[in-house]
Amino acid sequence: MKVETVRWNIKVSKDTDVTLRAHLRARGAKPGDRSKFIAEAVRRRVLQCTVQEIWARNADANPDEIQRNADQVVSEVLAERADESTPK
């Protein structure tokens, strides 16, 4: 499956550019590796921000209640999957 891509125009400092290019070159970079590196960095940062937001939102939550809710959701998903895999 081909992933649709978009072109970004970004500006970074010369130092950042040199550092990234040296990092990739030292690892035998191929064409496109810079874009892949940046895309992965963006995904990781978005995930990190999301996790921090969730931690902040749940700072006052009862850990036992969170665990009970998680256990309930996991049980429901497992039950749904079992139903889906049962021949009809």
C-alpha atoms as a PDB file:
ATOM      1  CA  MET A   1       0.000   0.000   0.000  1.00  0.00           C
ATOM      2  CA  LYS A   2       1.466   3.338  -1.052  1.00  0.00           C
ATOM      3  CA  VAL A   3       1.334   6.062   1.570  1.00  0.00           C
ATOM      4  CA  GLU A   4       0.249   9.474   0.325  1.00  0.00           C
ATOM      5  CA  THR A   5       2.854  12.091   1.109  1.00  0.00           C
ATOM      6  CA  VAL A   6       2.850  15.879   1.279  1.00  0.00           C
ATOM      7  CA  ARG A   7       5.740  18.259   0.851  1.00  0.00           C
ATOM      8  CA  TRP A   8       6.767  20.435   3.787  1.00  0.00           C
ATOM      9  CA  ASN A   9       8.915  23.517   3.630  1.00  0.00           C
ATOM     10  CA  ILE A  10      10.652  23.874   6.969  1.00  0.00           C
ATOM     11  CA  LYS A  11      13.440  26.026   8.306  1.00  0.00           C
ATOM     12  CA  VAL A  12      16.025  24.802  10.787  1.00  0.00           C
ATOM     13  CA  SER A  13      19.312  26.235  11.942  1.00  0.00           C
ATOM     14  CA  LYS A  14      22.445  25.411   9.982  1.00  0.00           C
ATOM     15  CA  ASP A  15      23.740  23.574  13.062  1.00  0.00           C
ATOM     16  CA  THR A  16      20.634  21.358  13.167  1.00  0.00           C
ATOM     17  CA  ASP A  17      20.969  20.600   9.456  1.00  0.00           C
ATOM     18  CA  VAL A  18      24.664  19.711   9.744  1.00  0.00           C
ATOM     19  CA  THR A  19      24.045  17.591  12.850  1.00  0.00           C
ATOM     20  CA  LEU A  20      21.221  15.613  11.247  1.00  0.00           C
ATOM     21  CA  ARG A  21      23.067  15.073   7.982  1.00  0.00           C
ATOM     22  CA  ALA A  22      26.183  13.883   9.851  1.00  0.00           C
ATOM     23  CA  HIS A  23      24.069  11.563  12.003  1.00  0.00           C
ATOM     24  CA  LEU A  24      22.383  10.012   8.975  1.00  0.00           C
ATOM     25  CA  ARG A  25      25.606   9.820   6.942  1.00  0.00           C
ATOM     26  CA  ALA A  26      27.321   7.953   9.796  1.00  0.00           C
ATOM     27  CA  ARG A  27      24.563   5.355   9.582  1.00  0.00           C
ATOM     28  CA  GLY A  28      24.753   4.906   5.810  1.00  0.00           C
ATOM     29  CA  ALA A  29      21.795   7.116   4.954  1.00  0.00           C
ATOM     30  CA  LYS A  30      19.899   6.572   1.735  1.00  0.00           C
ATOM     31  CA  PRO A  31      17.769   9.056  -0.184  1.00  0.00           C
ATOM     32  CA  GLY A  32      14.619   9.822   1.792  1.00  0.00           C
ATOM     33  CA  ASP A  33      16.119   9.003   5.186  1.00  0.00           C
ATOM     34  CA  ARG A  34      16.032  12.642   6.292  1.00  0.00           C
ATOM     35  CA  SER A  35      12.287  12.818   5.647  1.00  0.00           C
ATOM     36  CA  LYS A  36      11.760   9.508   7.447  1.00  0.00           C
ATOM     37  CA  PHE A  37      13.796  10.739  10.411  1.00  0.00           C
ATOM     38  CA  ILE A  38      11.754  13.941  10.659  1.00  0.00           C
ATOM     39  CA  ALA A  39       8.433  12.088  10.296  1.00  0.00           C
ATOM     40  CA  GLU A  40       9.402   9.677  13.085  1.00  0.00           C
ATOM     41  CA  ALA A  41      10.525  12.576  15.303  1.00  0.00           C
ATOM     42  CA  VAL A  42       7.168  14.310  14.775  1.00  0.00           C
ATOM     43  CA  ARG A  43       5.212  11.121  15.595  1.00  0.00           C
ATOM     44  CA  ARG A  44       7.252  10.574  18.757  1.00  0.00           C
ATOM     45  CA  ARG A  45       6.783  14.186  19.895  1.00  0.00           C
ATOM     46  CA  VAL A  46       3.020  14.078  19.270  1.00  0.00           C
ATOM     47  CA  LEU A  47       2.803  10.833  21.259  1.00  0.00           C
ATOM     48  CA  GLN A  48       4.886  12.355  24.070  1.00  0.00           C
ATOM     49  CA  CYS A  49       2.612  15.416  24.232  1.00  0.00           C
ATOM     50  CA  THR A  50      -0.492  13.207  24.221  1.00  0.00           C
ATOM     51  CA  VAL A  51       0.844  11.092  27.096  1.00  0.00           C
ATOM     52  CA  GLN A  52       1.729  14.209  29.105  1.00  0.00           C
ATOM     53  CA  GLU A  53      -1.774  15.612  28.538  1.00  0.00           C
ATOM     54  CA  ILE A  54      -3.343  12.350  29.702  1.00  0.00           C
ATOM     55  CA  TRP A  55      -1.121  12.242  32.799  1.00  0.00           C
ATOM     56  CA  ALA A  56      -2.079  15.830  33.643  1.00  0.00           C
ATOM     57  CA  ARG A  57      -5.778  15.143  33.064  1.00  0.00           C
ATOM     58  CA  ASN A  58      -5.650  12.074  35.329  1.00  0.00           C
ATOM     59  CA  ALA A  59      -3.324  13.467  38.002  1.00  0.00           C
ATOM     60  CA  ASP A  60      -6.083  13.417  40.617  1.00  0.00           C
ATOM     61  CA  ALA A  61      -7.681  10.161  39.475  1.00  0.00           C
ATOM     62  CA  ASN A  62      -7.825   7.101  41.678  1.00  0.00           C
ATOM     63  CA  PRO A  63      -5.306   4.531  40.319  1.00  0.00           C
ATOM     64  CA  ASP A  64      -7.537   1.621  41.377  1.00  0.00           C
ATOM     65  CA  GLU A  65     -10.474   3.088  39.452  1.00  0.00           C
ATOM     66  CA  ILE A  66      -8.300   3.584  36.371  1.00  0.00           C
ATOM     67  CA  GLN A  67      -7.152  -0.050  36.605  1.00  0.00           C
ATOM     68  CA  ARG A  68     -10.751  -1.288  36.981  1.00  0.00           C
ATOM     69  CA  ASN A  69     -11.800   0.731  33.926  1.00  0.00           C
ATOM     70  CA  ALA A  70      -8.859  -0.573  31.894  1.00  0.00           C
ATOM     71  CA  ASP A  71      -9.579  -4.160  32.942  1.00  0.00           C
ATOM     72  CA  GLN A  72     -13.243  -3.748  31.970  1.00  0.00           C
ATOM     73  CA  VAL A  73     -12.400  -2.351  28.523  1.00  0.00           C
ATOM     74  CA  VAL A  74      -9.853  -5.099  27.871  1.00  0.00           C
ATOM     75  CA  SER A  75     -12.409  -7.748  28.890  1.00  0.00           C
ATOM     76  CA  GLU A  76     -14.998  -6.231  26.549  1.00  0.00           C
ATOM     77  CA  VAL A  77     -12.570  -6.142  23.621  1.00  0.00           C
ATOM     78  CA  LEU A  78     -11.496  -9.745  24.245  1.00  0.00           C
ATOM     79  CA  ALA A  79     -15.142 -10.838  24.394  1.00  0.00           C
ATOM     80  CA  GLU A  80     -15.887  -9.021  21.112  1.00  0.00           C
ATOM     81  CA  ARG A  81     -12.927 -10.679  19.431  1.00  0.00           C
ATOM     82  CA  ALA A  82     -14.004 -14.081  20.699  1.00  0.00           C
ATOM     83  CA  ASP A  83     -17.482 -13.478  19.277  1.00  0.00           C
ATOM     84  CA  GLU A  84     -16.021 -12.407  15.929  1.00  0.00           C
ATOM     85  CA  SER A  85     -13.847 -15.510  15.679  1.00  0.00           C
ATOM     86  CA  THR A  86     -16.693 -17.906  16.495  1.00  0.00           C
ATOM     87  CA  PRO A  87     -17.943 -19.567  13.265  1.00  0.00           C
ATOM     88  CA  LYS A  88     -21.541 -18.774  12.451  1.00  0.00           C
END
